[in-house]
C-alpha atoms as a PDB file:
ATOM      1  CA  MET A   1      74.861 101.879 113.219  1.00  0.00           C
ATOM      2  CA  GLY A   2      75.042 103.190 109.794  1.00  0.00           C
ATOM      3  CA  LYS A   3      76.511 101.013 106.264  1.00  0.00           C
ATOM      4  CA  THR A   4      80.345 100.951 105.340  1.00  0.00           C
ATOM      5  CA  ILE A   5      81.335 102.407 102.393  1.00  0.00           C
ATOM      6  CA  ILE A   6      83.628 101.068 100.184  1.00  0.00           C
ATOM      7  CA  ALA A   7      84.745 103.450  97.259  1.00  0.00           C
ATOM      8  CA  GLU A   8      85.113 101.588  93.763  1.00  0.00           C
ATOM      9  CA  GLY A   9      87.612 101.748  90.803  1.00  0.00           C
ATOM     10  CA  VAL A  10      87.043 102.971  87.561  1.00  0.00           C
ATOM     11  CA  LEU A  11      86.871 100.446  85.222  1.00  0.00           C
ATOM     12  CA  HIS A  12      87.258  96.902  88.011  1.00  0.00           C
ATOM     13  CA  LYS A  13      84.168  95.861  90.114  1.00  0.00           C
ATOM     14  CA  LEU A  14      85.849  95.807  94.000  1.00  0.00           C
ATOM     15  CA  PRO A  15      85.482  91.633  94.830  1.00  0.00           C
ATOM     16  CA  ASP A  16      84.781  90.258  97.929  1.00  0.00           C
ATOM     17  CA  ASP A  17      87.901  89.006  98.660  1.00  0.00           C
ATOM     18  CA  MET A  18      89.469  92.239  98.739  1.00  0.00           C
ATOM     19  CA  ILE A  19      86.422  93.795 100.724  1.00  0.00           C
ATOM     20  CA  LYS A  20      87.013  91.507 103.637  1.00  0.00           C
ATOM     21  CA  ALA A  21      90.011  93.016 103.876  1.00  0.00           C
ATOM     22  CA  LEU A  22      90.024  96.262 103.374  1.00  0.00           C
ATOM     23  CA  LYS A  23      86.460  96.328 106.338  1.00  0.00           C
ATOM     24  CA  ALA A  24      88.855  94.284 109.040  1.00  0.00           C
ATOM     25  CA  LYS A  25      90.669  97.585 109.311  1.00  0.00           C
ATOM     26  CA  THR A  26      89.161 101.262 109.796  1.00  0.00           C
ATOM     27  CA  ALA A  27      92.770 102.685 109.278  1.00  0.00           C
ATOM     28  CA  ILE A  28      92.916 100.582 105.702  1.00  0.00           C
ATOM     29  CA  LEU A  29      89.378 101.284 105.197  1.00  0.00           C
ATOM     30  CA  GLU A  30      89.989 105.135 105.243  1.00  0.00           C
ATOM     31  CA  ARG A  31      92.920 105.256 103.340  1.00  0.00           C
ATOM     32  CA  TRP A  32      91.260 103.388 100.426  1.00  0.00           C
ATOM     33  CA  ASN A  33      88.523 105.316 100.383  1.00  0.00           C
ATOM     34  CA  LYS A  34      90.335 108.670  99.899  1.00  0.00           C
ATOM     35  CA  LEU A  35      92.579 106.754  96.800  1.00  0.00           C
ATOM     36  CA  THR A  36      91.733 108.317  93.589  1.00  0.00           C
ATOM     37  CA  PRO A  37      89.161 106.428  91.501  1.00  0.00           C
ATOM     38  CA  ILE A  38      92.056 105.423  89.378  1.00  0.00           C
ATOM     39  CA  GLN A  39      94.618 103.997  92.564  1.00  0.00           C
ATOM     40  CA  ARG A  40      91.778 102.006  93.442  1.00  0.00           C
ATOM     41  CA  ASN A  41      91.644 100.632  90.173  1.00  0.00           C
ATOM     42  CA  GLU A  42      95.002  99.889  90.036  1.00  0.00           C
ATOM     43  CA  TRP A  43      94.907  98.389  93.421  1.00  0.00           C
ATOM     44  CA  ILE A  44      91.727  96.313  91.826  1.00  0.00           C
ATOM     45  CA  CYS A  45      93.181  95.368  88.728  1.00  0.00           C
ATOM     46  CA  TRP A  46      96.739  93.998  90.421  1.00  0.00           C
ATOM     47  CA  VAL A  47      94.920  91.613  92.781  1.00  0.00           C
ATOM     48  CA  THR A  48      93.051  90.479  90.177  1.00  0.00           C
ATOM     49  CA  ILE A  49      94.693  90.033  87.399  1.00  0.00           C
ATOM     50  CA  VAL A  50      97.000  87.136  88.454  1.00  0.00           C
ATOM     51  CA  LYS A  51      96.174  83.239  87.819  1.00  0.00           C
ATOM     52  CA  LYS A  52      96.666  81.582  90.780  1.00  0.00           C
ATOM     53  CA  THR A  53      95.070  82.053  94.627  1.00  0.00           C
ATOM     54  CA  GLU A  54      97.976  82.120  96.457  1.00  0.00           C
ATOM     55  CA  THR A  55      98.917  85.111  94.497  1.00  0.00           C
ATOM     56  CA  ARG A  56      95.777  87.178  94.681  1.00  0.00           C
ATOM     57  CA  THR A  57      95.678  85.810  98.160  1.00  0.00           C
ATOM     58  CA  GLU A  58      99.232  86.946  98.676  1.00  0.00           C
ATOM     59  CA  HIS A  59      98.217  90.616  96.670  1.00  0.00           C
ATOM     60  CA  ILE A  60      95.434  91.307  99.008  1.00  0.00           C
ATOM     61  CA  GLN A  61      98.135  90.923 101.963  1.00  0.00           C
ATOM     62  CA  ARG A  62     101.075  93.376 100.550  1.00  0.00           C
ATOM     63  CA  MET A  63      98.194  94.931  98.569  1.00  0.00           C
ATOM     64  CA  ILE A  64      97.416  95.758 103.236  1.00  0.00           C
ATOM     65  CA  GLU A  65     100.948  96.529 104.204  1.00  0.00           C
ATOM     66  CA  GLU A  66     101.647  99.096 101.291  1.00  0.00           C
ATOM     67  CA  LEU A  67      98.032 100.946 102.046  1.00  0.00           C
ATOM     68  CA  SER A  68      99.214 101.211 106.048  1.00  0.00           C
ATOM     69  CA  GLU A  69     102.124 102.765 104.565  1.00  0.00           C
ATOM     70  CA  GLY A  70     100.883 105.326 102.944  1.00  0.00           C
ATOM     71  CA  LYS A  71     101.639 104.083  99.091  1.00  0.00           C
ATOM     72  CA  ARG A  72      99.133 104.646  96.766  1.00  0.00           C
ATOM     73  CA  GLN A  73      98.905 102.574  93.779  1.00  0.00           C
ATOM     74  CA  PRO A  74     101.126  98.808  93.515  1.00  0.00           C
ATOM     75  CA  CYS A  75     104.806  99.518  93.642  1.00  0.00           C
ATOM     76  CA  CYS A  76     106.183  98.542  90.750  1.00  0.00           C
ATOM     77  CA  TRP A  77     102.828  97.890  88.079  1.00  0.00           C
ATOM     78  CA  PRO A  78     102.992  98.468  84.914  1.00  0.00           C
ATOM     79  CA  GLY A  79      99.676 100.812  85.468  1.00  0.00           C
ATOM     80  CA  CYS A  80      96.017  98.446  84.597  1.00  0.00           C
ATOM     81  CA  PRO A  81      96.093  97.611  81.282  1.00  0.00           C
ATOM     82  CA  HIS A  82      92.370  97.574  80.645  1.00  0.00           C
ATOM     83  CA  ARG A  83      92.160 101.052  80.495  1.00  0.00           C
ATOM     84  CA  ARG A  84      94.102 101.303  77.409  1.00  0.00           C
ATOM     85  CA  PRO A  85      92.447 101.978  74.624  1.00  0.00           C
ATOM     86  CA  SER A  86      93.550  99.248  73.064  1.00  0.00           C
ATOM     87  CA  ALA A  87      91.160  97.454  75.907  1.00  0.00           C
ATOM     88  CA  GLN A  88      88.162 100.508  75.922  1.00  0.00           C
ATOM     89  CA  LYS A  89      85.990  97.834  73.948  1.00  0.00           C
ATOM     90  CA  TRP A  90      85.494  95.258  76.128  1.00  0.00           C
ATOM     91  CA  PHE A  91      84.538  97.687  79.251  1.00  0.00           C
ATOM     92  CA  LYS A  92      81.492  99.607  76.344  1.00  0.00           C
END
């Protein structure tokens, strides 16, 4: 059996709890890997930007549900604030 490939985002590292959730269902992992790097980045940021563990868990569950519905990025999310020019100094 080969190694499972999980595609990353453009700025954010994919955290272990998201990796575990994506690996749990092959169909979800396939959809994840077909997203663009920016779309994956939006999901990663949307999950990791929250402060409470409970909210993060809810975001991961919602991500899995929405990916299964064919959604490609978080609904009602203004976008990763880390991609803005003012934040770029933190990623160099």
